[in-house]
Protein backbone atom coordinates (compact mmCIF):
# COMPACT_ATOMS: atom_id res chain seq x y z
CA UNK A 1 9.04 43.02 -50.75
CA UNK A 2 7.78 46.36 -49.64
CA UNK A 3 7.90 49.12 -52.01
CA UNK A 4 7.28 52.43 -49.97
CA UNK A 5 6.73 54.72 -53.00
CA UNK A 6 4.18 52.15 -54.56
CA UNK A 7 1.08 53.91 -55.72
CA UNK A 8 -2.15 52.68 -54.16
CA UNK A 9 -5.67 53.60 -55.19
CA UNK A 10 -8.85 53.31 -53.27
CA UNK A 11 -10.60 49.82 -53.90
CA UNK A 12 -14.31 49.83 -54.05
CA UNK A 13 -14.86 48.57 -50.68
CA UNK A 14 -16.40 49.19 -47.41
CA UNK A 15 -14.06 51.58 -45.40
CA UNK A 16 -16.48 52.55 -42.69
CA UNK A 17 -15.05 52.52 -39.20
CA UNK A 18 -17.78 50.26 -37.99
CA UNK A 19 -16.69 47.45 -40.82
CA UNK A 20 -13.15 47.90 -39.65
CA UNK A 21 -13.68 47.44 -36.10
CA UNK A 22 -16.10 44.56 -36.50
CA UNK A 23 -13.74 42.95 -38.78
CA UNK A 24 -10.74 43.07 -36.36
CA UNK A 25 -12.94 41.85 -33.49
CA UNK A 26 -14.00 38.96 -35.59
CA UNK A 27 -10.49 38.04 -36.44
CA UNK A 28 -8.96 38.96 -33.41
CA UNK A 29 -11.19 36.82 -30.79
CA UNK A 30 -10.40 33.31 -32.48
CA UNK A 31 -6.57 34.26 -32.45
CA UNK A 32 -6.97 35.45 -28.69
CA UNK A 33 -8.74 32.37 -27.84
CA UNK A 34 -6.36 30.30 -29.42
CA UNK A 35 -3.34 32.03 -27.75
CA UNK A 36 -5.12 31.48 -24.35
CA UNK A 37 -5.94 27.86 -25.12
CA UNK A 38 -2.29 27.10 -26.03
CA UNK A 39 -1.03 28.94 -22.77
CA UNK A 40 -3.40 26.64 -20.92
CA UNK A 41 -2.00 23.41 -22.53
CA UNK A 42 1.38 24.27 -21.42
CA UNK A 43 -0.07 25.20 -17.85
CA UNK A 44 -1.70 21.77 -17.84
CA UNK A 45 1.53 19.76 -18.79
CA UNK A 46 3.51 21.59 -16.07
CA UNK A 47 1.10 21.24 -13.26
CA UNK A 48 0.34 17.52 -13.93
CA UNK A 49 4.01 16.73 -14.26
CA UNK A 50 4.72 18.86 -11.19
CA UNK A 51 2.75 16.55 -9.04
CA UNK A 52 5.39 13.83 -9.69
CA UNK A 53 8.08 15.81 -7.82
CA UNK A 54 10.61 18.64 -8.08
CA UNK A 55 12.97 16.68 -10.50
CA UNK A 56 10.08 15.96 -12.78
CA UNK A 57 8.90 19.42 -12.64
CA UNK A 58 12.26 21.14 -13.32
CA UNK A 59 12.82 18.63 -16.23
CA UNK A 60 9.48 19.28 -18.01
CA UNK A 61 10.10 23.22 -17.54
CA UNK A 62 13.59 22.73 -19.24
CA UNK A 63 12.23 20.54 -21.82
CA UNK A 64 9.38 22.67 -22.80
CA UNK A 65 11.36 25.75 -22.87
CA UNK A 66 13.95 23.98 -24.96
CA UNK A 67 11.32 22.98 -27.42
CA UNK A 68 9.72 26.37 -27.35
CA UNK A 69 12.84 28.05 -28.34
CA UNK A 70 13.30 25.92 -31.37
CA UNK A 71 9.64 26.06 -32.13
CA UNK A 72 9.17 29.82 -31.76
CA UNK A 73 12.00 30.48 -34.12
CA UNK A 74 10.45 28.15 -36.82
CA UNK A 75 6.95 29.89 -36.45
CA UNK A 76 8.57 32.98 -37.75
CA UNK A 77 8.37 31.18 -41.29
CA UNK A 78 4.88 30.51 -40.78
CA UNK A 79 3.98 34.01 -39.57
CA UNK A 80 5.70 35.18 -43.03
CA UNK A 81 3.02 33.28 -44.77
CA UNK A 82 0.40 35.34 -43.39
CA UNK A 83 1.01 38.57 -45.24
CA UNK A 84 1.83 36.82 -48.34
CA UNK A 85 -1.52 34.92 -48.51
CA UNK A 86 -3.38 38.29 -47.34
CA UNK A 87 -1.96 40.37 -50.17
CA UNK A 88 -2.24 37.69 -52.76
CA UNK A 89 -5.88 37.23 -51.63
CA UNK A 90 -6.46 41.10 -51.61
CA UNK A 91 -5.12 41.07 -55.33
CA UNK A 92 -7.42 37.85 -56.12
CA UNK A 93 -4.29 35.95 -57.18
CA UNK A 94 -5.30 32.31 -56.07
CA UNK A 95 -2.11 30.78 -57.64
CA UNK A 96 0.13 32.88 -55.25
CA UNK A 97 -1.95 32.05 -52.33
CA UNK A 98 -1.24 28.26 -53.11
CA UNK A 99 2.30 28.89 -53.93
CA UNK A 100 2.88 30.74 -50.76
CA UNK A 101 1.47 28.03 -48.45
CA UNK A 102 2.94 25.21 -50.14
CA UNK A 103 6.45 26.84 -50.08
CA UNK A 104 5.55 27.74 -46.28
CA UNK A 105 5.36 24.20 -45.69
CA UNK A 106 8.44 23.11 -47.45
CA UNK A 107 10.52 25.79 -45.59
CA UNK A 108 9.03 24.52 -42.09
CA UNK A 109 9.59 20.82 -43.04
CA UNK A 110 13.15 21.62 -44.01
CA UNK A 111 13.55 23.85 -40.62
CA UNK A 112 12.39 20.52 -38.81
CA UNK A 113 14.96 18.45 -40.39
CA UNK A 114 17.71 20.78 -39.61
CA UNK A 115 16.84 21.55 -35.96
CA UNK A 116 16.06 17.62 -35.25
CA UNK A 117 19.93 16.92 -34.06
CA UNK A 118 19.79 19.91 -31.78
CA UNK A 119 16.61 18.48 -30.02
CA UNK A 120 17.95 14.87 -30.23
CA UNK A 121 21.06 16.08 -28.54
CA UNK A 122 19.09 17.91 -25.75
CA UNK A 123 20.90 16.00 -22.68
CA UNK A 124 24.60 16.99 -23.39
CA UNK A 125 23.60 20.39 -24.32
CA UNK A 126 21.89 20.94 -21.24
CA UNK A 127 24.75 19.43 -19.27
CA UNK A 128 26.98 21.91 -20.86
CA UNK A 129 24.60 24.78 -19.70
CA UNK A 130 25.23 23.46 -16.16
CA UNK A 131 21.94 21.71 -15.54
CA UNK A 132 21.70 18.61 -13.08
CA UNK A 133 22.32 15.22 -14.77
CA UNK A 134 19.09 13.61 -13.56
CA UNK A 135 17.12 16.57 -14.68
CA UNK A 136 18.80 16.82 -18.14
CA UNK A 137 18.38 13.11 -18.50
CA UNK A 138 14.46 13.26 -17.86
CA UNK A 139 14.17 16.46 -19.85
CA UNK A 140 15.96 14.44 -22.75
CA UNK A 141 13.58 11.58 -22.42
CA UNK A 142 10.48 13.97 -23.09
CA UNK A 143 12.21 15.54 -26.03
CA UNK A 144 13.12 12.47 -27.81
CA UNK A 145 9.33 11.90 -28.28
CA UNK A 146 8.12 15.56 -28.31
CA UNK A 147 10.60 16.68 -30.83
CA UNK A 148 8.66 14.70 -33.54
CA UNK A 149 5.67 17.34 -32.84
CA UNK A 150 7.78 20.27 -34.42
CA UNK A 151 6.67 18.91 -37.69
CA UNK A 152 2.93 18.92 -37.47
CA UNK A 153 3.04 21.87 -35.06
CA UNK A 154 4.58 24.02 -37.71
CA UNK A 155 2.51 22.58 -40.45
CA UNK A 156 -0.28 23.73 -38.52
CA UNK A 157 0.94 27.01 -37.98
CA UNK A 158 1.27 27.46 -42.00
CA UNK A 159 -2.04 26.31 -42.44
CA UNK A 160 -3.53 28.69 -39.83
CA UNK A 161 -1.51 31.46 -41.74
CA UNK A 162 -3.49 30.29 -44.87
CA UNK A 163 -6.75 30.47 -43.13
CA UNK A 164 -5.80 33.65 -41.44
CA UNK A 165 -4.99 35.43 -44.74
CA UNK A 166 -8.55 34.60 -46.25
CA UNK A 167 -10.02 35.63 -42.94
CA UNK A 168 -11.32 32.09 -41.97
CA UNK A 169 -9.83 32.47 -38.48
CA UNK A 170 -12.92 30.84 -36.42
CA UNK A 171 -11.73 27.47 -36.93
CA UNK A 172 -8.52 28.16 -35.26
CA UNK A 173 -10.28 28.63 -31.84
CA UNK A 174 -12.23 25.35 -32.24
CA UNK A 175 -9.20 23.24 -33.16
CA UNK A 176 -7.12 24.65 -30.27
CA UNK A 177 -9.76 23.95 -27.88
CA UNK A 178 -10.15 20.42 -29.29
CA UNK A 179 -6.27 19.87 -28.62
CA UNK A 180 -6.57 21.54 -25.20
CA UNK A 181 -9.07 18.87 -24.19
CA UNK A 182 -7.25 16.14 -25.69
CA UNK A 183 -4.04 17.09 -24.10
CA UNK A 184 -5.50 17.25 -20.52
CA UNK A 185 -7.17 13.75 -21.09
CA UNK A 186 -4.11 12.04 -22.56
CA UNK A 187 -1.74 13.72 -19.66
CA UNK A 188 -4.33 12.40 -16.94
CA UNK A 189 -4.23 8.96 -18.64
CA UNK A 190 -0.42 8.59 -19.54
CA UNK A 191 1.22 10.37 -16.76
CA UNK A 192 -0.51 8.73 -13.81
CA UNK A 193 -1.86 5.48 -15.42
CA UNK A 194 -5.37 5.80 -14.68
CA UNK A 195 -8.18 3.59 -16.55
CA UNK A 196 -5.73 0.59 -17.11
CA UNK A 197 -3.29 2.88 -19.07
CA UNK A 198 0.56 2.56 -18.07
CA UNK A 199 1.85 5.40 -15.70
CA UNK A 200 4.59 6.87 -17.93
CA UNK A 201 5.28 9.98 -16.08
CA UNK A 202 7.19 12.67 -18.03
CA UNK A 203 7.35 9.99 -20.97
CA UNK A 204 3.71 10.08 -21.11
CA UNK A 205 3.30 14.03 -21.24
CA UNK A 206 5.55 13.73 -24.08
CA UNK A 207 3.43 11.30 -26.05
CA UNK A 208 0.42 13.46 -25.24
CA UNK A 209 2.38 16.53 -26.72
CA UNK A 210 2.92 14.55 -30.18
CA UNK A 211 -0.71 13.25 -30.32
CA UNK A 212 -2.04 16.71 -29.85
CA UNK A 213 0.19 18.12 -32.42
CA UNK A 214 -0.85 15.53 -34.91
CA UNK A 215 -4.56 16.20 -33.96
CA UNK A 216 -4.18 19.88 -34.64
CA UNK A 217 -2.72 19.43 -38.03
CA UNK A 218 -5.01 16.66 -39.16
CA UNK A 219 -8.19 18.64 -37.88
CA UNK A 220 -7.16 21.72 -39.83
CA UNK A 221 -6.29 19.62 -42.99
CA UNK A 222 -9.65 17.88 -42.77
CA UNK A 223 -11.53 21.21 -42.28
CA UNK A 224 -9.46 22.80 -45.42
CA UNK A 225 -10.51 19.50 -47.48
CA UNK A 226 -13.99 19.62 -46.39
CA UNK A 227 -14.76 23.33 -47.49
CA UNK A 228 -15.06 23.51 -51.51
CA UNK A 229 -14.09 27.23 -51.42
CA UNK A 230 -10.98 26.51 -49.31
CA UNK A 231 -9.95 23.25 -51.00
CA UNK A 232 -10.17 24.79 -54.52
CA UNK A 233 -6.82 26.29 -53.56
CA UNK A 234 -5.43 22.69 -54.12
CA UNK A 235 -2.58 23.15 -51.47
CA UNK A 236 -1.82 19.43 -51.43
CA UNK A 237 -1.86 18.82 -55.21
CA UNK A 238 1.46 18.25 -56.95
CA UNK A 239 3.01 19.38 -53.32
CA UNK A 240 6.58 18.27 -54.66
CA UNK A 241 6.39 21.08 -57.30
CA UNK A 242 8.76 23.87 -56.12
CA UNK A 243 8.19 27.57 -56.48
CA UNK A 244 11.61 29.04 -55.74
CA UNK A 245 10.65 32.75 -55.69
CA UNK A 246 8.03 32.09 -53.10
CA UNK A 247 10.34 29.69 -51.17
CA UNK A 248 12.81 32.42 -50.90
CA UNK A 249 10.25 34.96 -50.13
CA UNK A 250 8.97 32.82 -47.10
CA UNK A 251 12.84 32.67 -45.82
CA UNK A 252 13.17 36.37 -46.62
CA UNK A 253 10.26 37.58 -44.50
CA UNK A 254 10.63 34.69 -42.07
CA UNK A 255 14.05 35.19 -40.79
CA UNK A 256 13.78 38.67 -39.70
CA UNK A 257 10.35 37.80 -37.73
CA UNK A 258 12.01 34.68 -36.16
CA UNK A 259 15.11 36.70 -34.81
CA UNK A 260 12.50 39.49 -33.71
CA UNK A 261 10.40 36.83 -31.57
CA UNK A 262 13.69 35.19 -30.25
CA UNK A 263 15.21 38.63 -29.17
CA UNK A 264 12.00 39.30 -27.16
CA UNK A 265 11.85 35.80 -25.71
CA UNK A 266 15.40 35.89 -24.83
CA UNK A 267 14.98 39.12 -23.09
CA UNK A 268 12.44 37.85 -20.76
CA UNK A 269 14.67 34.85 -19.95
CA UNK A 270 17.26 37.48 -19.10
CA UNK A 271 14.82 39.19 -16.98
CA UNK A 272 14.35 35.97 -14.87
CA UNK A 273 18.13 35.57 -14.33
CA UNK A 274 18.63 39.26 -13.29
CA UNK A 275 15.89 38.74 -10.62
CA UNK A 276 17.28 35.64 -9.65
CA UNK A 277 20.67 37.51 -8.86
CA UNK A 278 18.64 40.02 -6.59
CA UNK A 279 16.79 37.25 -4.45
CA UNK A 280 14.69 34.13 -4.35
CA UNK A 281 11.88 36.19 -3.03
CA UNK A 282 12.07 38.63 -5.76
CA UNK A 283 12.38 35.93 -8.37
CA UNK A 284 8.83 34.34 -6.99
CA UNK A 285 7.58 37.83 -7.24
CA UNK A 286 8.65 38.34 -10.83
CA UNK A 287 7.20 34.81 -11.74
CA UNK A 288 3.69 35.83 -10.45
CA UNK A 289 3.78 39.26 -12.24
CA UNK A 290 4.93 37.87 -15.46
CA UNK A 291 2.37 35.29 -15.46
CA UNK A 292 -0.34 38.02 -15.40
CA UNK A 293 1.66 40.14 -17.92
CA UNK A 294 1.71 36.86 -20.18
CA UNK A 295 -2.04 36.17 -19.94
CA UNK A 296 -2.85 39.83 -20.74
CA UNK A 297 -0.41 39.79 -23.72
CA UNK A 298 -2.71 37.13 -25.35
CA UNK A 299 -4.94 39.90 -26.31
CA UNK A 300 -2.61 42.50 -28.17
CA UNK A 301 -0.96 39.20 -29.62
CA UNK A 302 -4.24 38.07 -31.14
CA UNK A 303 -4.87 41.60 -32.29
CA UNK A 304 -1.59 41.80 -33.95
CA UNK A 305 -2.27 38.71 -36.17
CA UNK A 306 -5.48 40.24 -36.96
CA UNK A 307 -3.82 43.44 -38.01
CA UNK A 308 -1.35 41.57 -40.18
CA UNK A 309 -4.33 40.05 -41.96
CA UNK A 310 -6.45 43.12 -42.37
CA UNK A 311 -3.46 45.37 -43.50
CA UNK A 312 -2.40 43.13 -45.80
CA UNK A 313 -5.76 42.30 -47.42
CA UNK A 314 -6.20 46.09 -48.04
CA UNK A 315 -2.64 46.72 -49.10
CA UNK A 316 -2.74 43.96 -51.75
CA UNK A 317 -5.97 45.11 -53.26
CA UNK A 318 -4.46 48.73 -53.41
CA UNK A 319 -6.83 50.31 -50.89
CA UNK A 320 -4.64 52.79 -48.82
CA UNK A 321 -7.55 54.19 -47.03
CA UNK A 322 -8.31 50.53 -46.06
CA UNK A 323 -4.65 50.22 -44.80
CA UNK A 324 -4.92 53.29 -42.58
CA UNK A 325 -8.43 52.51 -41.14
CA UNK A 326 -7.36 48.87 -40.56
CA UNK A 327 -4.42 50.07 -38.71
CA UNK A 328 -6.17 52.74 -36.52
CA UNK A 329 -9.19 50.22 -35.60
CA UNK A 330 -6.67 47.45 -34.52
CA UNK A 331 -4.51 50.00 -32.39
CA UNK A 332 -7.73 51.46 -30.99
CA UNK A 333 -8.77 48.11 -29.71
CA UNK A 334 -5.52 47.29 -28.50
CA UNK A 335 -5.22 50.32 -26.55
CA UNK A 336 -8.73 49.76 -25.02
CA UNK A 337 -8.06 46.35 -23.78
CA UNK A 338 -4.79 47.52 -22.31
CA UNK A 339 -6.36 50.29 -20.46
CA UNK A 340 -9.18 47.79 -18.99
CA UNK A 341 -6.37 45.42 -18.00
CA UNK A 342 -3.89 48.15 -16.67
CA UNK A 343 -6.91 49.57 -14.37
CA UNK A 344 -7.56 46.04 -13.16
CA UNK A 345 -3.89 45.27 -12.38
CA UNK A 346 -3.53 48.76 -10.79
CA UNK A 347 -6.66 48.51 -8.33
CA UNK A 348 -6.24 44.71 -7.23
CA UNK A 349 -2.47 43.82 -7.47
CA UNK A 350 -2.46 42.05 -3.98
CA UNK A 351 -5.69 40.37 -4.49
CA UNK A 352 -4.41 38.89 -7.84
CA UNK A 353 -0.90 37.79 -6.47
CA UNK A 354 -2.56 35.82 -3.82
CA UNK A 355 -4.01 33.66 -6.63
CA UNK A 356 -0.58 32.23 -6.94
CA UNK A 357 0.29 32.05 -3.32
CA UNK A 358 -0.49 29.75 -0.34
CA UNK A 359 -0.93 32.52 2.20
CA UNK A 360 -0.36 29.98 4.96
CA UNK A 361 3.35 29.88 4.19
CA UNK A 362 5.74 31.86 6.37
CA UNK A 363 7.15 33.56 3.50
CA UNK A 364 4.10 34.36 1.64
CA UNK A 365 3.76 37.91 2.98
CA UNK A 366 7.16 38.84 1.84
CA UNK A 367 6.52 37.35 -1.77
CA UNK A 368 3.25 39.35 -1.70
CA UNK A 369 4.96 42.52 -0.82
CA UNK A 370 7.27 42.42 -3.72
CA UNK A 371 4.69 41.02 -6.22
CA UNK A 372 2.10 43.85 -5.60
CA UNK A 373 4.14 46.72 -7.02
CA UNK A 374 5.22 44.45 -9.86
CA UNK A 375 1.69 43.69 -10.85
CA UNK A 376 1.11 47.45 -10.80
CA UNK A 377 4.04 47.93 -13.10
CA UNK A 378 2.64 45.21 -15.49
CA UNK A 379 -0.37 46.99 -16.00
CA UNK A 380 1.66 49.88 -17.50
CA UNK A 381 3.86 47.62 -19.08
CA UNK A 382 1.27 45.42 -21.26
CA UNK A 383 0.08 48.86 -22.74
CA UNK A 384 3.56 49.55 -24.50
CA UNK A 385 4.04 45.68 -25.14
CA UNK A 386 0.83 45.70 -26.78
CA UNK A 387 1.29 48.58 -28.91
CA UNK A 388 4.71 47.28 -30.05
CA UNK A 389 3.36 43.89 -30.65
CA UNK A 390 0.46 45.24 -32.87
CA UNK A 391 2.69 47.44 -34.91
CA UNK A 392 5.15 44.60 -35.79
CA UNK A 393 2.09 42.82 -36.95
CA UNK A 394 0.86 45.64 -39.08
CA UNK A 395 4.31 46.18 -40.49
CA UNK A 396 4.16 42.20 -41.56
CA UNK A 397 0.88 43.07 -43.57
CA UNK A 398 3.09 45.28 -45.62
CA UNK A 399 5.74 42.80 -45.93
CA UNK A 400 8.13 44.99 -44.00
CA UNK A 401 10.24 42.80 -41.50
CA UNK A 402 14.06 43.49 -41.77
CA UNK A 403 13.70 47.35 -40.50
CA UNK A 404 11.13 46.10 -37.83
CA UNK A 405 13.61 43.51 -36.76
CA UNK A 406 16.43 46.03 -36.33
CA UNK A 407 14.32 48.65 -34.36
CA UNK A 408 13.18 45.92 -32.05
CA UNK A 409 16.38 44.70 -31.39
CA UNK A 410 17.68 48.12 -30.55
CA UNK A 411 14.91 48.56 -28.39
CA UNK A 412 14.83 45.39 -26.51
CA UNK A 413 18.66 45.14 -25.75
CA UNK A 414 20.54 48.49 -26.06
CA UNK A 415 17.69 50.23 -24.35
CA UNK A 416 15.52 47.75 -22.36
CA UNK A 417 18.34 45.56 -21.14
CA UNK A 418 20.77 48.35 -20.15
CA UNK A 419 18.04 50.33 -18.55
CA UNK A 420 16.91 47.21 -16.72
CA UNK A 421 20.45 46.64 -15.33
CA UNK A 422 20.94 50.21 -14.59
CA UNK A 423 18.00 50.74 -12.59
CA UNK A 424 18.16 47.61 -10.85
CA UNK A 425 21.86 47.41 -9.74
CA UNK A 426 23.71 50.81 -9.99
CA UNK A 427 20.59 52.90 -9.07
CA UNK A 428 19.53 50.28 -6.60
CA UNK A 429 15.83 49.84 -7.55
CA UNK A 430 16.07 46.15 -7.20
CA UNK A 431 13.24 44.06 -8.84
CA UNK A 432 11.13 47.08 -9.67
CA UNK A 433 14.01 48.55 -11.57
CA UNK A 434 14.29 45.47 -13.90
CA UNK A 435 10.56 45.70 -14.82
CA UNK A 436 10.81 49.66 -15.35
CA UNK A 437 13.89 49.29 -17.50
CA UNK A 438 12.06 46.61 -19.79
CA UNK A 439 9.02 48.82 -19.71
CA UNK A 440 11.29 51.51 -21.26
CA UNK A 441 12.65 49.15 -23.87
CA UNK A 442 9.10 48.10 -24.89
CA UNK A 443 7.86 51.50 -25.07
CA UNK A 444 10.95 52.47 -27.49
CA UNK A 445 9.84 49.60 -29.50
CA UNK A 446 6.26 50.86 -29.52
CA UNK A 447 7.11 54.22 -30.56
CA UNK A 448 9.68 53.25 -33.28
CA UNK A 449 7.55 50.58 -34.72
CA UNK A 450 4.44 52.52 -34.97
CA UNK A 451 6.37 55.44 -36.37
CA UNK A 452 7.68 53.25 -39.21
CA UNK A 453 4.24 52.04 -40.12
CA UNK A 454 2.76 55.33 -40.22
CA UNK A 455 5.77 56.91 -42.04
CA UNK A 456 5.71 54.14 -44.60
CA UNK A 457 1.79 54.50 -45.58
CA UNK A 458 2.38 58.33 -45.45
CA UNK A 459 4.96 57.99 -48.35
CA UNK A 460 2.45 56.45 -50.37
CA UNK A 461 -0.11 58.42 -52.57
CA UNK A 462 -3.12 58.83 -50.57
CA UNK A 463 -6.54 58.87 -52.04
CA UNK A 464 -8.32 60.51 -49.55
CA UNK A 465 -7.65 61.75 -45.91
CA UNK A 466 -8.54 59.28 -42.95
């Protein structure tokens, strides 16, 4: 738990700006690559199953979104392990590192058991939500196999938290790339039945998803066991031995992180619903712009993870100057990447939109006309979205999650959603209004979360000015 008035002293470490920028890049690049690779895995599944027909495409979109909602909430507990490991590593406390990771695995395994019935009952839940019976049945067929991937997937996330906290993030990218290749191969073989394999359709995609999750966890465990400096933490020795304070801390930090993530994910789900009420063309244009915004967001998301580690390490070692410079370095990198992305989006909106359109279709010109302005807004959107994501990551490095959750929820819903609805409908800006309203909400989150972070570290005793 964060103690805002904790007295920090400057540790004997290299706090030059060059060191902090290099360390942020060194950590951030693997995280960014891993996020992009994970996005590519999801895109591969949708593209391959989509060739089977509209019903199968609708089913896998529903199924993967259903699974993702459960998974993303559980990932909050894995994210809680990152600052716990980083701060313990900063203190030189190997025992606390081991206990944090072990209890993180306990929590996510328990979470998997609790949520298993929800995934198993996907078909009646989807029917209650008004989905078509044939689509719901296919989605449930996928989830009855893919649901078991929740266990290795979340264990993988906890182990990545361990590696991240020790600044050993490079392996994350390699493991994710390996799973990307395996996923593409398994989908090709099992969905379509090539090279003598049975054509399993959407069921084959589920088998591939489970195989990929198992591979990711196995490769990560194998890497940890093969590295003496990592294996000496003995993560799996006496795994059954509980450490209840660490267990409670994972839950205490993880629940607010999970709720914050879920609040943001649900906000974008509602955005699609709002656009759908405006019109089909507007919804299609929204989907194109959102795809580019999602790709661009992988960069600040990776930097936010790097920020959690860098801030956590410095805070754990009692180095307030390091905390401040780590924060400024990751914010500066995030702002620079956002500025580059915003410029590209502003200069080439229509060219980018055509990448997702068959320009020969009769409705392409109309979709393009709506998508162009949304992509321009997405450029400004990614700046504030990136800054709020990085600020949230830095606050996690201080183990500060409850107040940031409240600030984020206020920004997303009372500010973001209300403004989006008001601009779109009463003020009649349509789809542009939805995006402008959400941009205001994310701007509020960026302002409040960064204010929270710098206020906290300002309240601590500073050994020197930055």
